[in-house]
Protein backbone atom coordinates (compact mmCIF):
# COMPACT_ATOMS: atom_id res chain seq x y z
CA GLU A 1 18.08 61.20 99.91
CA GLY A 2 19.67 58.58 99.57
CA ALA A 3 16.78 56.00 101.22
CA GLN A 4 14.52 57.48 99.18
CA ARG A 5 16.99 56.79 95.70
CA ALA A 6 17.78 53.36 97.35
CA GLY A 7 13.48 53.13 97.04
CA HIS A 8 12.70 52.68 100.82
CA ALA A 9 9.17 53.94 101.70
CA VAL A 10 9.77 54.50 105.48
CA ILE A 11 13.05 55.50 108.14
CA LEU A 12 13.21 54.68 111.35
CA LEU A 13 15.37 55.50 113.87
CA VAL A 14 15.45 55.79 117.66
CA GLY A 15 16.95 59.32 118.67
CA ASP A 16 15.79 62.42 120.37
CA GLU A 17 12.62 63.57 119.03
CA PRO A 18 13.63 67.61 119.86
CA TYR A 19 16.60 66.72 117.54
CA PHE A 20 14.91 65.43 114.29
CA THR A 21 11.24 66.80 115.10
CA PRO A 22 12.70 69.94 112.86
CA LEU A 23 13.99 67.09 109.60
CA GLY A 24 10.82 66.14 109.58
CA PHE A 25 10.67 63.12 111.94
CA ALA A 26 7.38 62.33 114.15
CA ARG A 27 7.16 60.35 116.97
CA ALA A 28 5.89 56.58 115.47
CA ARG A 29 3.20 55.92 118.20
CA ARG A 30 2.08 52.31 117.13
CA VAL A 31 5.27 50.54 116.23
CA ILE A 32 7.10 49.07 118.85
CA MET A 33 10.90 48.30 119.73
CA PRO A 34 12.50 45.17 121.02
CA GLY A 35 15.07 45.64 123.93
CA PRO A 36 15.16 48.74 126.52
CA VAL A 37 14.46 51.23 123.97
CA ASP A 38 11.70 54.17 125.21
CA PRO A 39 8.89 54.28 122.88
CA ARG A 40 8.96 57.72 123.16
CA ARG A 41 12.55 57.71 121.24
CA VAL A 42 10.79 55.65 118.20
CA LEU A 43 10.87 57.98 114.95
CA THR A 44 9.59 57.22 111.54
CA LEU A 45 10.25 59.50 108.49
CA ALA A 46 7.53 59.37 105.43
CA LEU A 47 9.41 59.09 102.09
CA ARG A 48 5.89 58.79 100.31
CA PRO A 49 2.50 60.34 101.04
CA GLY A 50 1.00 59.01 104.06
CA ALA A 51 3.65 56.47 104.00
CA ASP A 52 3.96 56.11 107.42
CA GLU A 53 0.36 55.81 108.77
CA ASN A 54 -0.53 52.41 108.92
CA LEU A 55 2.97 51.34 110.25
CA GLU A 56 1.91 49.17 113.89
CA GLY A 57 3.78 46.51 115.59
CA LEU A 58 7.14 44.91 117.05
CA VAL A 59 9.75 46.12 114.64
CA LYS A 60 11.99 42.41 113.33
CA ALA A 61 15.50 42.23 111.74
CA ARG A 62 15.25 41.04 107.95
CA ALA A 63 18.38 39.45 106.64
CA ILE A 64 20.35 40.87 103.67
CA LEU A 65 21.66 38.23 101.63
CA PRO A 66 24.82 39.15 99.00
């Protein structure tokens, strides 16, 4: 709810699929997480309908400045 109120469209996380699937998360099949991450653990949750449909490529960090 907090992410949605902040205006985010998608939540991406690395976690256990059996735990997060009942909460609405699904495997992000075209998203590549850097480092030693099992691709089966990269999950997304669309906070707006269809917001995760076109996600693909390498995840990059973005600096957030005050």
